[in-house]
Amino acid sequence: MTTIRLEICVDSPAGFIAAVEGGADRIELCLGLSVGGLTPSPGLMELARISPVPVRAMIRSRTGDFVCDRYDVDAMRRDIDALRQAGLAGVVIGANRPDGHLDEATLMQLRHHARGLEIALHRAIDLTPDPVAAVDIAADLGFDSILTSGGAVYAADGLEIITAMTQRAAGRIEVMAGSGITPDNAANIIAITGVRAIHASGAVTLPAQGMRAVALGFVPPHIKTTDLQTVMRLRQIVTDSARLAA
């Protein structure tokens, strides 16, 4: 049967447990998913050591763009060291030049520092002038996976580019569709693009608990949290899509 992977991104201990129990094939571990994901804390990485499925950690030391100076790169190298110490499977990185093209020199440096680990290129590729051509760069640099929305805000709006990227990859590198993937659109995205991996948060939005904390600005009025039932629904959709693609 054709294999289609379900990767769930999480930014909390509860989210990690929901992803595991819901049947994720792989987990992306972060903090701050509301800002696109940041490097997870050492404690969260240590918790993920018990995972029965591979865990990759986001390596991103700050919010903002993906144009990195030498201090950013130094922090990212140290974060990779912490991830390796925690025994996780891989890293998720990205870097752009000011003109939007992939920063090949920085990516090569980080790729070398992460040798022996799985390595994924995050949606920095969506900022490039030509995401399809950038697939060749990622493959040549030795990346295992690319996460992309096809240059759109949501993957459902970037289907044509995701399809072209998947065809360009030609099995050399995994192209994983992500951003705004839900149980309502996952099957359609897989069927149209031909991707063999999807990336989702499996999250639901809930009112925050503790109005005093909201009033003081510690938490927003509503929060997103990884939902076990949503992950399970995504798991079933991915399984069914793999059978149809066989």
C-alpha atoms as a PDB file:
ATOM      1  CA  MET A   1       0.000   0.000   0.000  1.00  0.00           C
ATOM      2  CA  THR A   2       1.149   3.547  -0.724  1.00  0.00           C
ATOM      3  CA  THR A   3       2.536   5.253   2.356  1.00  0.00           C
ATOM      4  CA  ILE A   4       1.262   8.711   3.277  1.00  0.00           C
ATOM      5  CA  ARG A   5       2.646  10.224   6.471  1.00  0.00           C
ATOM      6  CA  LEU A   6       0.772  12.318   8.985  1.00  0.00           C
ATOM      7  CA  GLU A   7       2.979  14.835  10.792  1.00  0.00           C
ATOM      8  CA  ILE A   8       1.440  16.734  13.695  1.00  0.00           C
ATOM      9  CA  CYS A   9       3.034  19.938  14.971  1.00  0.00           C
ATOM     10  CA  VAL A  10       2.690  20.565  18.710  1.00  0.00           C
ATOM     11  CA  ASP A  11       3.862  23.201  21.162  1.00  0.00           C
ATOM     12  CA  SER A  12       2.909  21.791  24.553  1.00  0.00           C
ATOM     13  CA  PRO A  13       3.185  18.589  26.607  1.00  0.00           C
ATOM     14  CA  ALA A  14      -0.565  17.985  26.234  1.00  0.00           C
ATOM     15  CA  GLY A  15      -0.304  18.477  22.476  1.00  0.00           C
ATOM     16  CA  PHE A  16       2.539  16.000  22.293  1.00  0.00           C
ATOM     17  CA  ILE A  17       0.515  13.340  24.096  1.00  0.00           C
ATOM     18  CA  ALA A  18      -2.531  13.976  21.880  1.00  0.00           C
ATOM     19  CA  ALA A  19      -0.397  13.605  18.746  1.00  0.00           C
ATOM     20  CA  VAL A  20       1.047  10.300  19.931  1.00  0.00           C
ATOM     21  CA  GLU A  21      -2.284   8.879  21.064  1.00  0.00           C
ATOM     22  CA  GLY A  22      -4.033  10.128  17.922  1.00  0.00           C
ATOM     23  CA  GLY A  23      -1.743   8.164  15.621  1.00  0.00           C
ATOM     24  CA  ALA A  24       0.729  10.671  14.183  1.00  0.00           C
ATOM     25  CA  ASP A  25       3.499   9.104  12.112  1.00  0.00           C
ATOM     26  CA  ARG A  26       5.860  11.924  13.048  1.00  0.00           C
ATOM     27  CA  ILE A  27       5.802  14.947  15.335  1.00  0.00           C
ATOM     28  CA  GLU A  28       7.213  18.417  14.853  1.00  0.00           C
ATOM     29  CA  LEU A  29       8.007  19.858  18.259  1.00  0.00           C
ATOM     30  CA  CYS A  30       7.873  23.633  18.742  1.00  0.00           C
ATOM     31  CA  LEU A  31       7.026  26.450  21.039  1.00  0.00           C
ATOM     32  CA  GLY A  32       4.810  29.311  19.912  1.00  0.00           C
ATOM     33  CA  LEU A  33       2.881  27.833  17.005  1.00  0.00           C
ATOM     34  CA  SER A  34       0.906  31.094  16.945  1.00  0.00           C
ATOM     35  CA  VAL A  35       4.031  32.787  15.538  1.00  0.00           C
ATOM     36  CA  GLY A  36       4.986  29.959  13.195  1.00  0.00           C
ATOM     37  CA  GLY A  37       6.952  27.889  15.699  1.00  0.00           C
ATOM     38  CA  LEU A  38      10.098  28.458  17.746  1.00  0.00           C
ATOM     39  CA  THR A  39      12.742  26.172  19.232  1.00  0.00           C
ATOM     40  CA  PRO A  40      11.127  24.025  21.946  1.00  0.00           C
ATOM     41  CA  SER A  41      12.351  24.233  25.526  1.00  0.00           C
ATOM     42  CA  PRO A  42      14.852  21.658  26.864  1.00  0.00           C
ATOM     43  CA  GLY A  43      12.112  20.272  29.089  1.00  0.00           C
ATOM     44  CA  LEU A  44       9.751  19.707  26.180  1.00  0.00           C
ATOM     45  CA  MET A  45      12.522  18.054  24.182  1.00  0.00           C
ATOM     46  CA  GLU A  46      13.294  15.752  27.090  1.00  0.00           C
ATOM     47  CA  LEU A  47       9.614  14.811  27.352  1.00  0.00           C
ATOM     48  CA  ALA A  48       9.590  13.945  23.656  1.00  0.00           C
ATOM     49  CA  ARG A  49      12.409  11.460  24.217  1.00  0.00           C
ATOM     50  CA  ILE A  50       9.723   8.895  25.142  1.00  0.00           C
ATOM     51  CA  SER A  51       7.955   9.243  21.789  1.00  0.00           C
ATOM     52  CA  PRO A  52       7.219   5.973  19.948  1.00  0.00           C
ATOM     53  CA  VAL A  53       7.373   7.886  16.633  1.00  0.00           C
ATOM     54  CA  PRO A  54      10.119  10.139  15.226  1.00  0.00           C
ATOM     55  CA  VAL A  55      10.225  13.699  16.583  1.00  0.00           C
ATOM     56  CA  ARG A  56      11.793  16.599  14.761  1.00  0.00           C
ATOM     57  CA  ALA A  57      12.254  19.900  16.542  1.00  0.00           C
ATOM     58  CA  MET A  58      11.906  23.359  15.072  1.00  0.00           C
ATOM     59  CA  ILE A  59      15.188  25.257  15.199  1.00  0.00           C
ATOM     60  CA  ARG A  60      14.234  28.926  15.192  1.00  0.00           C
ATOM     61  CA  SER A  61      15.565  31.162  17.930  1.00  0.00           C
ATOM     62  CA  ARG A  62      13.358  34.220  17.343  1.00  0.00           C
ATOM     63  CA  THR A  63      10.203  35.493  15.715  1.00  0.00           C
ATOM     64  CA  GLY A  64      10.303  37.481  12.499  1.00  0.00           C
ATOM     65  CA  ASP A  65      11.825  36.669   9.140  1.00  0.00           C
ATOM     66  CA  PHE A  66      14.275  33.894   8.265  1.00  0.00           C
ATOM     67  CA  VAL A  67      17.207  36.154   7.339  1.00  0.00           C
ATOM     68  CA  CYS A  68      19.903  35.011   9.748  1.00  0.00           C
ATOM     69  CA  ASP A  69      22.963  36.835  11.020  1.00  0.00           C
ATOM     70  CA  ARG A  70      25.912  35.105  12.659  1.00  0.00           C
ATOM     71  CA  TYR A  71      24.340  35.383  16.110  1.00  0.00           C
ATOM     72  CA  ASP A  72      21.173  33.674  14.888  1.00  0.00           C
ATOM     73  CA  VAL A  73      23.247  30.894  13.361  1.00  0.00           C
ATOM     74  CA  ASP A  74      25.250  30.467  16.568  1.00  0.00           C
ATOM     75  CA  ALA A  75      22.023  30.130  18.578  1.00  0.00           C
ATOM     76  CA  MET A  76      20.630  27.642  16.072  1.00  0.00           C
ATOM     77  CA  ARG A  77      23.766  25.528  16.246  1.00  0.00           C
ATOM     78  CA  ARG A  78      23.455  25.404  20.030  1.00  0.00           C
ATOM     79  CA  ASP A  79      19.782  24.450  19.724  1.00  0.00           C
ATOM     80  CA  ILE A  80      20.750  21.602  17.399  1.00  0.00           C
ATOM     81  CA  ASP A  81      23.223  20.424  20.041  1.00  0.00           C
ATOM     82  CA  ALA A  82      20.426  20.411  22.646  1.00  0.00           C
ATOM     83  CA  LEU A  83      18.152  18.462  20.325  1.00  0.00           C
ATOM     84  CA  ARG A  84      20.857  15.890  19.700  1.00  0.00           C
ATOM     85  CA  GLN A  85      21.448  15.578  23.446  1.00  0.00           C
ATOM     86  CA  ALA A  86      17.725  14.928  23.939  1.00  0.00           C
ATOM     87  CA  GLY A  87      17.876  12.063  21.458  1.00  0.00           C
ATOM     88  CA  LEU A  88      15.352  13.447  18.965  1.00  0.00           C
ATOM     89  CA  ALA A  89      15.248  12.274  15.369  1.00  0.00           C
ATOM     90  CA  GLY A  90      15.729  15.470  13.450  1.00  0.00           C
ATOM     91  CA  VAL A  91      15.645  19.215  12.955  1.00  0.00           C
ATOM     92  CA  VAL A  92      13.440  21.639  11.051  1.00  0.00           C
ATOM     93  CA  ILE A  93      15.324  24.669   9.754  1.00  0.00           C
ATOM     94  CA  GLY A  94      15.161  27.387   7.141  1.00  0.00           C
ATOM     95  CA  ALA A  95      17.033  30.506   6.072  1.00  0.00           C
ATOM     96  CA  ASN A  96      16.504  33.112   3.363  1.00  0.00           C
ATOM     97  CA  ARG A  97      18.665  35.798   1.857  1.00  0.00           C
ATOM     98  CA  PRO A  98      17.267  39.351   1.928  1.00  0.00           C
ATOM     99  CA  ASP A  99      16.067  38.881  -1.669  1.00  0.00           C
ATOM    100  CA  GLY A 100      13.975  35.885  -0.589  1.00  0.00           C
ATOM    101  CA  HIS A 101      16.106  33.168  -2.165  1.00  0.00           C
ATOM    102  CA  LEU A 102      17.236  30.326   0.059  1.00  0.00           C
ATOM    103  CA  ASP A 103      20.432  31.146   1.963  1.00  0.00           C
ATOM    104  CA  GLU A 104      22.380  28.154   0.730  1.00  0.00           C
ATOM    105  CA  ALA A 105      25.535  28.979   2.697  1.00  0.00           C
ATOM    106  CA  THR A 106      23.675  29.135   6.024  1.00  0.00           C
ATOM    107  CA  LEU A 107      21.618  26.057   5.246  1.00  0.00           C
ATOM    108  CA  MET A 108      24.750  24.109   4.332  1.00  0.00           C
ATOM    109  CA  GLN A 109      26.406  25.174   7.590  1.00  0.00           C
ATOM    110  CA  LEU A 110      23.404  24.065   9.631  1.00  0.00           C
ATOM    111  CA  ARG A 111      23.044  20.890   7.573  1.00  0.00           C
ATOM    112  CA  HIS A 112      26.628  19.983   8.372  1.00  0.00           C
ATOM    113  CA  HIS A 113      26.134  20.731  12.080  1.00  0.00           C
ATOM    114  CA  ALA A 114      23.060  18.470  12.105  1.00  0.00           C
ATOM    115  CA  ARG A 115      24.821  15.568  10.380  1.00  0.00           C
ATOM    116  CA  GLY A 116      23.373  12.216  11.358  1.00  0.00           C
ATOM    117  CA  LEU A 117      19.945  13.735  12.060  1.00  0.00           C
ATOM    118  CA  GLU A 118      16.898  13.955   9.799  1.00  0.00           C
ATOM    119  CA  ILE A 119      16.576  17.443   8.393  1.00  0.00           C
ATOM    120  CA  ALA A 120      13.537  19.265   7.050  1.00  0.00           C
ATOM    121  CA  LEU A 121      13.269  22.635   5.327  1.00  0.00           C
ATOM    122  CA  HIS A 122      10.384  24.670   6.712  1.00  0.00           C
ATOM    123  CA  ARG A 123       8.204  27.216   4.927  1.00  0.00           C
ATOM    124  CA  ALA A 124      11.115  29.536   4.272  1.00  0.00           C
ATOM    125  CA  ILE A 125      10.802  27.913   0.840  1.00  0.00           C
ATOM    126  CA  ASP A 126       7.413  29.620   0.430  1.00  0.00           C
ATOM    127  CA  LEU A 127       9.149  33.011   0.551  1.00  0.00           C
ATOM    128  CA  THR A 128      11.396  32.218  -2.405  1.00  0.00           C
ATOM    129  CA  PRO A 129      10.687  33.701  -5.842  1.00  0.00           C
ATOM    130  CA  ASP A 130      10.324  30.187  -7.295  1.00  0.00           C
ATOM    131  CA  PRO A 131       9.453  27.437  -4.779  1.00  0.00           C
ATOM    132  CA  VAL A 132       9.494  24.804  -7.531  1.00  0.00           C
ATOM    133  CA  ALA A 133      13.088  25.583  -8.502  1.00  0.00           C
ATOM    134  CA  ALA A 134      14.020  25.727  -4.798  1.00  0.00           C
ATOM    135  CA  VAL A 135      13.123  22.025  -4.530  1.00  0.00           C
ATOM    136  CA  ASP A 136      16.323  21.243  -6.455  1.00  0.00           C
ATOM    137  CA  ILE A 137      18.384  23.320  -4.022  1.00  0.00           C
ATOM    138  CA  ALA A 138      16.907  21.554  -0.993  1.00  0.00           C
ATOM    139  CA  ALA A 139      17.496  18.151  -2.567  1.00  0.00           C
ATOM    140  CA  ASP A 140      21.084  19.009  -3.514  1.00  0.00           C
ATOM    141  CA  LEU A 141      21.757  20.216   0.048  1.00  0.00           C
ATOM    142  CA  GLY A 142      20.700  16.826   1.372  1.00  0.00           C
ATOM    143  CA  PHE A 143      17.394  17.707   3.029  1.00  0.00           C
ATOM    144  CA  ASP A 144      15.012  14.844   3.734  1.00  0.00           C
ATOM    145  CA  SER A 145      11.764  16.850   3.618  1.00  0.00           C
ATOM    146  CA  ILE A 146      10.247  20.154   2.544  1.00  0.00           C
ATOM    147  CA  LEU A 147       7.220  21.701   4.259  1.00  0.00           C
ATOM    148  CA  THR A 148       5.259  23.968   1.934  1.00  0.00           C
ATOM    149  CA  SER A 149       1.929  25.651   1.348  1.00  0.00           C
ATOM    150  CA  GLY A 150       2.841  26.271  -2.271  1.00  0.00           C
ATOM    151  CA  GLY A 151       3.650  29.888  -1.504  1.00  0.00           C
ATOM    152  CA  ALA A 152       0.090  30.585  -0.366  1.00  0.00           C
ATOM    153  CA  VAL A 153      -1.167  31.428   3.097  1.00  0.00           C
ATOM    154  CA  TYR A 154      -2.948  28.073   3.214  1.00  0.00           C
ATOM    155  CA  ALA A 155      -2.068  24.860   1.408  1.00  0.00           C
ATOM    156  CA  ALA A 156      -5.586  24.611  -0.029  1.00  0.00           C
ATOM    157  CA  ASP A 157      -4.836  27.789  -1.996  1.00  0.00           C
ATOM    158  CA  GLY A 158      -1.448  26.625  -3.251  1.00  0.00           C
ATOM    159  CA  LEU A 159      -2.386  23.299  -4.813  1.00  0.00           C
ATOM    160  CA  GLU A 160      -0.945  24.025  -8.262  1.00  0.00           C
ATOM    161  CA  ILE A 161       2.486  24.924  -6.888  1.00  0.00           C
ATOM    162  CA  ILE A 162       2.501  22.040  -4.382  1.00  0.00           C
ATOM    163  CA  THR A 163       1.695  19.664  -7.250  1.00  0.00           C
ATOM    164  CA  ALA A 164       4.547  21.100  -9.321  1.00  0.00           C
ATOM    165  CA  MET A 165       6.937  20.842  -6.375  1.00  0.00           C
ATOM    166  CA  THR A 166       5.966  17.209  -5.820  1.00  0.00           C
ATOM    167  CA  GLN A 167       6.571  16.429  -9.471  1.00  0.00           C
ATOM    168  CA  ARG A 168       9.893  18.307  -9.409  1.00  0.00           C
ATOM    169  CA  ALA A 169      11.006  16.322  -6.351  1.00  0.00           C
ATOM    170  CA  ALA A 170      10.432  13.059  -8.233  1.00  0.00           C
ATOM    171  CA  GLY A 171      11.020  11.016  -5.104  1.00  0.00           C
ATOM    172  CA  ARG A 172      14.388  12.625  -4.309  1.00  0.00           C
ATOM    173  CA  ILE A 173      12.971  14.486  -1.308  1.00  0.00           C
ATOM    174  CA  GLU A 174       9.671  14.366   0.584  1.00  0.00           C
ATOM    175  CA  VAL A 175       7.321  17.258  -0.212  1.00  0.00           C
ATOM    176  CA  MET A 176       4.914  17.748   2.692  1.00  0.00           C
ATOM    177  CA  ALA A 177       1.849  19.963   2.366  1.00  0.00           C
ATOM    178  CA  GLY A 178       1.080  22.127   5.371  1.00  0.00           C
ATOM    179  CA  SER A 179      -0.727  25.235   6.644  1.00  0.00           C
ATOM    180  CA  GLY A 180      -4.428  25.178   7.319  1.00  0.00           C
ATOM    181  CA  ILE A 181      -4.862  21.441   6.737  1.00  0.00           C
ATOM    182  CA  THR A 182      -7.935  20.071   8.490  1.00  0.00           C
ATOM    183  CA  PRO A 183     -10.082  16.934   8.320  1.00  0.00           C
ATOM    184  CA  ASP A 184     -12.330  18.846   5.908  1.00  0.00           C
ATOM    185  CA  ASN A 185      -9.682  19.458   3.236  1.00  0.00           C
ATOM    186  CA  ALA A 186      -6.905  16.910   3.826  1.00  0.00           C
ATOM    187  CA  ALA A 187      -8.202  14.231   1.443  1.00  0.00           C
ATOM    188  CA  ASN A 188      -8.655  16.732  -1.379  1.00  0.00           C
ATOM    189  CA  ILE A 189      -5.165  18.187  -0.906  1.00  0.00           C
ATOM    190  CA  ILE A 190      -3.597  14.718  -0.990  1.00  0.00           C
ATOM    191  CA  ALA A 191      -5.592  13.622  -4.042  1.00  0.00           C
ATOM    192  CA  ILE A 192      -4.862  16.727  -6.119  1.00  0.00           C
ATOM    193  CA  THR A 193      -1.184  17.275  -5.287  1.00  0.00           C
ATOM    194  CA  GLY A 194       0.021  13.698  -4.951  1.00  0.00           C
ATOM    195  CA  VAL A 195       1.950  14.504  -1.770  1.00  0.00           C
ATOM    196  CA  ARG A 196       2.901  11.596   0.401  1.00  0.00           C
ATOM    197  CA  ALA A 197       2.947  13.577   3.644  1.00  0.00           C
ATOM    198  CA  ILE A 198       0.772  16.226   5.255  1.00  0.00           C
ATOM    199  CA  HIS A 199       1.532  18.493   8.198  1.00  0.00           C
ATOM    200  CA  ALA A 200      -1.214  19.741  10.512  1.00  0.00           C
ATOM    201  CA  SER A 201      -1.719  20.986  14.047  1.00  0.00           C
ATOM    202  CA  GLY A 202      -4.927  19.052  14.641  1.00  0.00           C
ATOM    203  CA  ALA A 203      -5.936  22.003  16.794  1.00  0.00           C
ATOM    204  CA  VAL A 204      -9.218  23.376  18.030  1.00  0.00           C
ATOM    205  CA  THR A 205      -9.815  26.860  19.418  1.00  0.00           C
ATOM    206  CA  LEU A 206     -11.091  27.100  22.993  1.00  0.00           C
ATOM    207  CA  PRO A 207     -11.813  29.965  25.393  1.00  0.00           C
ATOM    208  CA  ALA A 208      -8.917  30.634  27.742  1.00  0.00           C
ATOM    209  CA  GLN A 209      -9.356  29.671  31.368  1.00  0.00           C
ATOM    210  CA  GLY A 210      -8.738  32.329  33.993  1.00  0.00           C
ATOM    211  CA  MET A 211     -10.007  35.768  33.074  1.00  0.00           C
ATOM    212  CA  ARG A 212      -7.511  37.426  35.402  1.00  0.00           C
ATOM    213  CA  ALA A 213      -4.654  35.990  33.357  1.00  0.00           C
ATOM    214  CA  VAL A 214      -6.369  37.189  30.179  1.00  0.00           C
ATOM    215  CA  ALA A 215      -6.851  40.678  31.642  1.00  0.00           C
ATOM    216  CA  LEU A 216      -3.174  40.906  32.548  1.00  0.00           C
ATOM    217  CA  GLY A 217      -2.157  39.893  29.047  1.00  0.00           C
ATOM    218  CA  PHE A 218      -0.563  36.565  29.982  1.00  0.00           C
ATOM    219  CA  VAL A 219      -2.821  34.604  27.619  1.00  0.00           C
ATOM    220  CA  PRO A 220      -5.124  35.549  24.712  1.00  0.00           C
ATOM    221  CA  PRO A 221      -8.901  35.263  25.136  1.00  0.00           C
ATOM    222  CA  HIS A 222      -8.894  32.137  22.968  1.00  0.00           C
ATOM    223  CA  ILE A 223      -6.188  29.532  22.588  1.00  0.00           C
ATOM    224  CA  LYS A 224      -5.493  26.770  20.102  1.00  0.00           C
ATOM    225  CA  THR A 225      -4.723  23.321  21.432  1.00  0.00           C
ATOM    226  CA  THR A 226      -3.995  19.993  19.749  1.00  0.00           C
ATOM    227  CA  ASP A 227      -7.166  17.931  19.877  1.00  0.00           C
ATOM    228  CA  LEU A 228      -7.032  14.144  20.150  1.00  0.00           C
ATOM    229  CA  GLN A 229     -10.238  13.575  18.176  1.00  0.00           C
ATOM    230  CA  THR A 230      -9.088  15.856  15.361  1.00  0.00           C
ATOM    231  CA  VAL A 231      -5.754  14.050  15.120  1.00  0.00           C
ATOM    232  CA  MET A 232      -7.598  10.719  15.011  1.00  0.00           C
ATOM    233  CA  ARG A 233      -9.804  11.981  12.175  1.00  0.00           C
ATOM    234  CA  LEU A 234      -6.742  13.094  10.238  1.00  0.00           C
ATOM    235  CA  ARG A 235      -5.172   9.698  10.859  1.00  0.00           C
ATOM    236  CA  GLN A 236      -8.168   7.951   9.322  1.00  0.00           C
ATOM    237  CA  ILE A 237      -8.240  10.294   6.335  1.00  0.00           C
ATOM    238  CA  VAL A 238      -4.552   9.710   5.633  1.00  0.00           C
ATOM    239  CA  THR A 239      -5.030   5.942   5.914  1.00  0.00           C
ATOM    240  CA  ASP A 240      -8.005   6.017   3.548  1.00  0.00           C
ATOM    241  CA  SER A 241      -6.134   8.244   1.073  1.00  0.00           C
ATOM    242  CA  ALA A 242      -3.207   5.824   1.039  1.00  0.00           C
ATOM    243  CA  ARG A 243      -5.557   2.953   0.169  1.00  0.00           C
ATOM    244  CA  LEU A 244      -7.076   4.942  -2.683  1.00  0.00           C
ATOM    245  CA  ALA A 245      -3.609   5.821  -4.016  1.00  0.00           C
ATOM    246  CA  ALA A 246      -2.388   2.231  -3.922  1.00  0.00           C
END
